[in-house]
């Protein structure tokens, strides 16, 4: 591999000061900074733009930057210079990483690192995260993946802006959290038995769809693996009893069946929809028991889209834009897929519904995530392989993507 970028940092537990070091080949580093700066909003793109401007003012093949110790904040752009001697000026060997970055995760400790190959066309990047010892952030690490789920996805990924499926490291047990219940716990009953390891087997799958044409909210659906299906349904109904004391709504029985296969039709799946729950836009959640999983949808349309119900699937395919129909699917063994063309589509539709201009643009087409080797190390680190597809040096301005197709405009609404 050829050299691209190296960043290293160190911080000791309890320190507020972190030293940060950067070194890499100037052309590859500038390509990386252009990708970062192409995201149109936020402090990170702004910082990347400042680094890019500083790099373009140097005339050398490799560059480096170090922050002076004892400073609260690192100004890498001011510290950027040509790498002329030492290890930083040497090209790595053919089996070494093309580039790498790393830094402290918080001032209390922990770390992150990125490394990988060429950032042209398609690139594999390795992300490693190490949690700070004894930090509240460590609990968030429990939701990171321990293993991918075997078999095929349960939910329909066609037209989804995001699709994930994995088994979290800490399982799914909201009842086991220590401390006083939060406001969300009290409002939505998140410490109900439904969300305990006695009911859930720890597997998680979720999809996020762009809103329908004219819609006000993206479509979210999730599948939670259960240990004993009948016990899970009973726990869900008791949970709805509890929630109904907080939020008025009407329960409606619901039955869904999938499209017939070549051999036979799938058995009907039964559940409940909540009607009249006036909490968030278009929220009228439904659930069904699908074999050994509870499948929940933001509303009936989203649930049926996720379950690939026959008539809804046919209507949605006709009404979908070319962008939605061309979306790739989550491959076997992958943890997650993000389709940024569909993120932009979602942003345009939400902007139109709220009469505002679209926001972010993205410098890549899609992102796929899988585990890299061992799931965790001795310090609790997680290693993820990120596959970046459709990379470009610059992104088009926000809102410049092709307009919705006539079919989507005519038939995509609810």
Foldseek 3Di string as FASTA:
>chain_A
DWAAKEKDKDAAAPALWIKMKMKTFLVNLLLVLLQQLQWPDDDRNVLSVLLNVLSVVADEGMKMFIADTPDNDRNRSVRIDHDDDDPRNDIDDPPDWRYKHKTAPHNRGWMKMKTWHGQPFKTKIKIKTFDRPPDPVVVVQQQDAQFFDADDDQWDAQQFQKKFKGFGNNAFQQLPDDDDDDPCCVQQVSNQPLRHVQWFVRIKIKTWHFAAQLAQGIKIKMKTFTDDLVVNQVSVVVSVVVNCVNFPWDKDKDKAWADADPPGTGDIWIWIWTHPGPDDGPATKIWTDDPRIIMIISGPLSSCNTNRGPVSVVLCVQQAFPLSNPDDDADGQWGMKGAQVRVLVSQCSNCVNVVHFRHTWHQFGMKIKHFDPRQADPSGMGMIMIMTHRGDSHTDDRPPDDDGDPSSNVRRHD
